[in-house]
Amino acid sequence: MTQVIPGESEGIESTLRRFKREVSKAGIFPDMKKHRHFETPIEKRKRKAIAKRKQRRRRSST
């Protein structure tokens, strides 16, 4: 769980910016998007196959 404690003279904008940075470092948003709705086993297989193809394409081009 990400937690940010504001400093004594720190403004709310900078605290919020720090919080957003910590959340993105922790990888919470991709995980949240992934669990937003139920994914059937067929959809899961399709998504994994597409990811595998993209990964292979990246390896061959480098």
PDB file of N, CA and C in Angstrom:
ATOM      1  N   MET A   1       0.847  -1.176   0.000  1.00  0.00           N
ATOM      2  CA  MET A   1       0.000   0.000   0.000  1.00  0.00           C
ATOM      3  C   MET A   1       0.889   1.234   0.000  1.00  0.00           C
ATOM      4  N   THR A   2       0.598   2.146  -0.899  1.00  0.00           N
ATOM      5  CA  THR A   2       1.392   3.357  -1.030  1.00  0.00           C
ATOM      6  C   THR A   2       0.907   4.404  -0.046  1.00  0.00           C
ATOM      7  N   GLN A   3       1.857   5.026   0.631  1.00  0.00           N
ATOM      8  CA  GLN A   3       1.511   6.034   1.617  1.00  0.00           C
ATOM      9  C   GLN A   3       2.497   7.184   1.498  1.00  0.00           C
ATOM     10  N   VAL A   4       1.966   8.429   1.515  1.00  0.00           N
ATOM     11  CA  VAL A   4       2.798   9.613   1.450  1.00  0.00           C
ATOM     12  C   VAL A   4       2.402  10.527   2.598  1.00  0.00           C
ATOM     13  N   ILE A   5       3.383  10.915   3.391  1.00  0.00           N
ATOM     14  CA  ILE A   5       3.128  11.818   4.517  1.00  0.00           C
ATOM     15  C   ILE A   5       3.596  13.204   4.110  1.00  0.00           C
ATOM     16  N   PRO A   6       2.690  14.198   4.131  1.00  0.00           N
ATOM     17  CA  PRO A   6       3.077  15.555   3.722  1.00  0.00           C
ATOM     18  C   PRO A   6       4.033  16.200   4.725  1.00  0.00           C
ATOM     19  N   GLY A   7       4.964  16.985   4.193  1.00  0.00           N
ATOM     20  CA  GLY A   7       5.912  17.701   5.045  1.00  0.00           C
ATOM     21  C   GLY A   7       5.249  18.900   5.716  1.00  0.00           C
ATOM     22  N   GLU A   8       5.961  19.529   6.628  1.00  0.00           N
ATOM     23  CA  GLU A   8       5.413  20.665   7.388  1.00  0.00           C
ATOM     24  C   GLU A   8       4.979  21.811   6.478  1.00  0.00           C
ATOM     25  N   SER A   9       5.881  22.246   5.601  1.00  0.00           N
ATOM     26  CA  SER A   9       5.571  23.400   4.754  1.00  0.00           C
ATOM     27  C   SER A   9       5.309  22.986   3.305  1.00  0.00           C
ATOM     28  N   GLU A  10       5.007  21.713   3.088  1.00  0.00           N
ATOM     29  CA  GLU A  10       4.787  21.200   1.737  1.00  0.00           C
ATOM     30  C   GLU A  10       3.342  21.451   1.308  1.00  0.00           C
ATOM     31  N   GLY A  11       3.164  21.939   0.097  1.00  0.00           N
ATOM     32  CA  GLY A  11       1.835  22.213  -0.423  1.00  0.00           C
ATOM     33  C   GLY A  11       1.127  20.941  -0.849  1.00  0.00           C
ATOM     34  N   ILE A  12      -0.184  21.045  -1.004  1.00  0.00           N
ATOM     35  CA  ILE A  12      -0.978  19.878  -1.397  1.00  0.00           C
ATOM     36  C   ILE A  12      -0.634  19.417  -2.813  1.00  0.00           C
ATOM     37  N   GLU A  13      -0.263  20.359  -3.691  1.00  0.00           N
ATOM     38  CA  GLU A  13       0.073  19.996  -5.076  1.00  0.00           C
ATOM     39  C   GLU A  13       1.323  19.115  -5.126  1.00  0.00           C
ATOM     40  N   SER A  14       2.343  19.509  -4.385  1.00  0.00           N
ATOM     41  CA  SER A  14       3.578  18.718  -4.412  1.00  0.00           C
ATOM     42  C   SER A  14       3.382  17.372  -3.718  1.00  0.00           C
ATOM     43  N   THR A  15       2.554  17.328  -2.683  1.00  0.00           N
ATOM     44  CA  THR A  15       2.251  16.059  -2.011  1.00  0.00           C
ATOM     45  C   THR A  15       1.516  15.123  -2.957  1.00  0.00           C
ATOM     46  N   LEU A  16       0.557  15.659  -3.683  1.00  0.00           N
ATOM     47  CA  LEU A  16      -0.201  14.865  -4.645  1.00  0.00           C
ATOM     48  C   LEU A  16       0.702  14.367  -5.769  1.00  0.00           C
ATOM     49  N   ARG A  17       1.609  15.207  -6.227  1.00  0.00           N
ATOM     50  CA  ARG A  17       2.558  14.819  -7.281  1.00  0.00           C
ATOM     51  C   ARG A  17       3.444  13.671  -6.792  1.00  0.00           C
ATOM     52  N   ARG A  18       3.906  13.770  -5.543  1.00  0.00           N
ATOM     53  CA  ARG A  18       4.718  12.707  -4.964  1.00  0.00           C
ATOM     54  C   ARG A  18       3.937  11.408  -4.843  1.00  0.00           C
ATOM     55  N   PHE A  19       2.666  11.521  -4.442  1.00  0.00           N
ATOM     56  CA  PHE A  19       1.810  10.346  -4.326  1.00  0.00           C
ATOM     57  C   PHE A  19       1.618   9.670  -5.679  1.00  0.00           C
ATOM     58  N   LYS A  20       1.339  10.461  -6.702  1.00  0.00           N
ATOM     59  CA  LYS A  20       1.157   9.890  -8.048  1.00  0.00           C
ATOM     60  C   LYS A  20       2.413   9.171  -8.516  1.00  0.00           C
ATOM     61  N   ARG A  21       3.578   9.737  -8.218  1.00  0.00           N
ATOM     62  CA  ARG A  21       4.834   9.117  -8.608  1.00  0.00           C
ATOM     63  C   ARG A  21       5.022   7.783  -7.897  1.00  0.00           C
ATOM     64  N   GLU A  22       4.712   7.730  -6.606  1.00  0.00           N
ATOM     65  CA  GLU A  22       4.835   6.488  -5.838  1.00  0.00           C
ATOM     66  C   GLU A  22       3.873   5.418  -6.355  1.00  0.00           C
ATOM     67  N   VAL A  23       2.648   5.835  -6.699  1.00  0.00           N
ATOM     68  CA  VAL A  23       1.659   4.888  -7.226  1.00  0.00           C
ATOM     69  C   VAL A  23       2.128   4.314  -8.558  1.00  0.00           C
ATOM     70  N   SER A  24       2.689   5.159  -9.423  1.00  0.00           N
ATOM     71  CA  SER A  24       3.156   4.652 -10.715  1.00  0.00           C
ATOM     72  C   SER A  24       4.370   3.738 -10.539  1.00  0.00           C
ATOM     73  N   LYS A  25       5.237   4.022  -9.573  1.00  0.00           N
ATOM     74  CA  LYS A  25       6.385   3.150  -9.306  1.00  0.00           C
ATOM     75  C   LYS A  25       5.925   1.783  -8.817  1.00  0.00           C
ATOM     76  N   ALA A  26       4.881   1.774  -7.998  1.00  0.00           N
ATOM     77  CA  ALA A  26       4.388   0.523  -7.427  1.00  0.00           C
ATOM     78  C   ALA A  26       3.625  -0.315  -8.448  1.00  0.00           C
ATOM     79  N   GLY A  27       3.228   0.271  -9.580  1.00  0.00           N
ATOM     80  CA  GLY A  27       2.522  -0.476 -10.620  1.00  0.00           C
ATOM     81  C   GLY A  27       1.077  -0.763 -10.262  1.00  0.00           C
ATOM     82  N   ILE A  28       0.447   0.136  -9.554  1.00  0.00           N
ATOM     83  CA  ILE A  28      -0.930  -0.075  -9.102  1.00  0.00           C
ATOM     84  C   ILE A  28      -1.934   0.128 -10.237  1.00  0.00           C
ATOM     85  N   PHE A  29      -1.720   1.129 -11.107  1.00  0.00           N
ATOM     86  CA  PHE A  29      -2.692   1.412 -12.159  1.00  0.00           C
ATOM     87  C   PHE A  29      -2.863   0.281 -13.163  1.00  0.00           C
ATOM     88  N   PRO A  30      -1.790  -0.308 -13.687  1.00  0.00           N
ATOM     89  CA  PRO A  30      -1.997  -1.441 -14.605  1.00  0.00           C
ATOM     90  C   PRO A  30      -2.733  -2.596 -13.946  1.00  0.00           C
ATOM     91  N   ASP A  31      -2.408  -2.858 -12.685  1.00  0.00           N
ATOM     92  CA  ASP A  31      -3.068  -3.935 -11.962  1.00  0.00           C
ATOM     93  C   ASP A  31      -4.550  -3.620 -11.771  1.00  0.00           C
ATOM     94  N   MET A  32      -4.851  -2.375 -11.463  1.00  0.00           N
ATOM     95  CA  MET A  32      -6.237  -1.961 -11.265  1.00  0.00           C
ATOM     96  C   MET A  32      -7.031  -2.099 -12.573  1.00  0.00           C
ATOM     97  N   LYS A  33      -6.425  -1.680 -13.677  1.00  0.00           N
ATOM     98  CA  LYS A  33      -7.105  -1.785 -14.965  1.00  0.00           C
ATOM     99  C   LYS A  33      -7.346  -3.248 -15.339  1.00  0.00           C
ATOM    100  N   LYS A  34      -6.389  -4.113 -14.987  1.00  0.00           N
ATOM    101  CA  LYS A  34      -6.503  -5.526 -15.310  1.00  0.00           C
ATOM    102  C   LYS A  34      -7.661  -6.185 -14.551  1.00  0.00           C
ATOM    103  N   HIS A  35      -7.910  -5.751 -13.336  1.00  0.00           N
ATOM    104  CA  HIS A  35      -8.948  -6.353 -12.505  1.00  0.00           C
ATOM    105  C   HIS A  35     -10.281  -5.609 -12.558  1.00  0.00           C
ATOM    106  N   ARG A  36     -10.439  -4.704 -13.499  1.00  0.00           N
ATOM    107  CA  ARG A  36     -11.657  -3.907 -13.569  1.00  0.00           C
ATOM    108  C   ARG A  36     -12.898  -4.732 -13.881  1.00  0.00           C
ATOM    109  N   HIS A  37     -12.776  -5.722 -14.743  1.00  0.00           N
ATOM    110  CA  HIS A  37     -13.921  -6.561 -15.103  1.00  0.00           C
ATOM    111  C   HIS A  37     -13.458  -8.007 -15.257  1.00  0.00           C
ATOM    112  N   PHE A  38     -14.407  -8.915 -15.231  1.00  0.00           N
ATOM    113  CA  PHE A  38     -14.085 -10.336 -15.337  1.00  0.00           C
ATOM    114  C   PHE A  38     -13.590 -10.655 -16.733  1.00  0.00           C
ATOM    115  N   GLU A  39     -12.552 -11.459 -16.807  1.00  0.00           N
ATOM    116  CA  GLU A  39     -11.982 -11.870 -18.080  1.00  0.00           C
ATOM    117  C   GLU A  39     -12.175 -13.380 -18.227  1.00  0.00           C
ATOM    118  N   THR A  40     -12.842 -13.774 -19.298  1.00  0.00           N
ATOM    119  CA  THR A  40     -13.067 -15.198 -19.527  1.00  0.00           C
ATOM    120  C   THR A  40     -11.743 -15.879 -19.876  1.00  0.00           C
ATOM    121  N   PRO A  41     -11.668 -17.190 -19.721  1.00  0.00           N
ATOM    122  CA  PRO A  41     -10.429 -17.902 -20.057  1.00  0.00           C
ATOM    123  C   PRO A  41     -10.012 -17.705 -21.522  1.00  0.00           C
ATOM    124  N   ILE A  42     -10.982 -17.617 -22.426  1.00  0.00           N
ATOM    125  CA  ILE A  42     -10.665 -17.398 -23.845  1.00  0.00           C
ATOM    126  C   ILE A  42     -10.033 -16.028 -24.041  1.00  0.00           C
ATOM    127  N   GLU A  43     -10.599 -14.997 -23.389  1.00  0.00           N
ATOM    128  CA  GLU A  43     -10.038 -13.648 -23.494  1.00  0.00           C
ATOM    129  C   GLU A  43      -8.625 -13.598 -22.923  1.00  0.00           C
ATOM    130  N   LYS A  44      -8.412 -14.320 -21.832  1.00  0.00           N
ATOM    131  CA  LYS A  44      -7.097 -14.353 -21.199  1.00  0.00           C
ATOM    132  C   LYS A  44      -6.072 -14.979 -22.140  1.00  0.00           C
ATOM    133  N   ARG A  45      -6.451 -16.094 -22.792  1.00  0.00           N
ATOM    134  CA  ARG A  45      -5.540 -16.741 -23.739  1.00  0.00           C
ATOM    135  C   ARG A  45      -5.208 -15.825 -24.906  1.00  0.00           C
ATOM    136  N   LYS A  46      -6.243 -15.133 -25.430  1.00  0.00           N
ATOM    137  CA  LYS A  46      -6.017 -14.207 -26.542  1.00  0.00           C
ATOM    138  C   LYS A  46      -5.049 -13.106 -26.138  1.00  0.00           C
ATOM    139  N   ARG A  47      -5.256 -12.531 -24.954  1.00  0.00           N
ATOM    140  CA  ARG A  47      -4.407 -11.436 -24.482  1.00  0.00           C
ATOM    141  C   ARG A  47      -2.963 -11.911 -24.322  1.00  0.00           C
ATOM    142  N   LYS A  48      -2.794 -13.105 -23.771  1.00  0.00           N
ATOM    143  CA  LYS A  48      -1.440 -13.632 -23.577  1.00  0.00           C
ATOM    144  C   LYS A  48      -0.769 -13.942 -24.911  1.00  0.00           C
ATOM    145  N   ALA A  49      -1.536 -14.449 -25.874  1.00  0.00           N
ATOM    146  CA  ALA A  49      -0.975 -14.758 -27.195  1.00  0.00           C
ATOM    147  C   ALA A  49      -0.529 -13.482 -27.898  1.00  0.00           C
ATOM    148  N   ILE A  50      -1.336 -12.444 -27.783  1.00  0.00           N
ATOM    149  CA  ILE A  50      -0.978 -11.161 -28.397  1.00  0.00           C
ATOM    150  C   ILE A  50       0.276 -10.600 -27.751  1.00  0.00           C
ATOM    151  N   ALA A  51       0.366 -10.683 -26.421  1.00  0.00           N
ATOM    152  CA  ALA A  51       1.548 -10.194 -25.709  1.00  0.00           C
ATOM    153  C   ALA A  51       2.792 -10.970 -26.124  1.00  0.00           C
ATOM    154  N   LYS A  52       2.633 -12.275 -26.312  1.00  0.00           N
ATOM    155  CA  LYS A  52       3.764 -13.105 -26.724  1.00  0.00           C
ATOM    156  C   LYS A  52       4.246 -12.712 -28.117  1.00  0.00           C
ATOM    157  N   ARG A  53       3.272 -12.456 -29.018  1.00  0.00           N
ATOM    158  CA  ARG A  53       3.637 -12.026 -30.376  1.00  0.00           C
ATOM    159  C   ARG A  53       4.390 -10.703 -30.345  1.00  0.00           C
ATOM    160  N   LYS A  54       3.904  -9.763 -29.546  1.00  0.00           N
ATOM    161  CA  LYS A  54       4.565  -8.457 -29.438  1.00  0.00           C
ATOM    162  C   LYS A  54       5.975  -8.613 -28.892  1.00  0.00           C
ATOM    163  N   GLN A  55       6.134  -9.482 -27.907  1.00  0.00           N
ATOM    164  CA  GLN A  55       7.438  -9.700 -27.312  1.00  0.00           C
ATOM    165  C   GLN A  55       8.405 -10.302 -28.331  1.00  0.00           C
ATOM    166  N   ARG A  56       7.932 -11.269 -29.098  1.00  0.00           N
ATOM    167  CA  ARG A  56       8.777 -11.879 -30.143  1.00  0.00           C
ATOM    168  C   ARG A  56       9.172 -10.849 -31.182  1.00  0.00           C
ATOM    169  N   ARG A  57       8.249  -9.994 -31.550  1.00  0.00           N
ATOM    170  CA  ARG A  57       8.507  -8.967 -32.556  1.00  0.00           C
ATOM    171  C   ARG A  57       9.589  -8.001 -32.058  1.00  0.00           C
ATOM    172  N   ARG A  58       9.535  -7.654 -30.767  1.00  0.00           N
ATOM    173  CA  ARG A  58      10.535  -6.749 -30.188  1.00  0.00           C
ATOM    174  C   ARG A  58      11.917  -7.391 -30.186  1.00  0.00           C
ATOM    175  N   ARG A  59      11.975  -8.675 -29.863  1.00  0.00           N
ATOM    176  CA  ARG A  59      13.258  -9.370 -29.803  1.00  0.00           C
ATOM    177  C   ARG A  59      13.904  -9.466 -31.175  1.00  0.00           C
ATOM    178  N   SER A  60      13.103  -9.724 -32.193  1.00  0.00           N
ATOM    179  CA  SER A  60      13.656  -9.901 -33.534  1.00  0.00           C
ATOM    180  C   SER A  60      14.101  -8.577 -34.154  1.00  0.00           C
ATOM    181  N   SER A  61      13.501  -7.471 -33.742  1.00  0.00           N
ATOM    182  CA  SER A  61      13.857  -6.179 -34.343  1.00  0.00           C
ATOM    183  C   SER A  61      15.086  -5.561 -33.695  1.00  0.00           C
ATOM    184  N   THR A  62      15.487  -6.004 -32.505  1.00  0.00           N
ATOM    185  CA  THR A  62      16.642  -5.417 -31.829  1.00  0.00           C
ATOM    186  C   THR A  62      17.931  -6.090 -32.146  1.00  0.00           C
TER     187      THR A  62
END
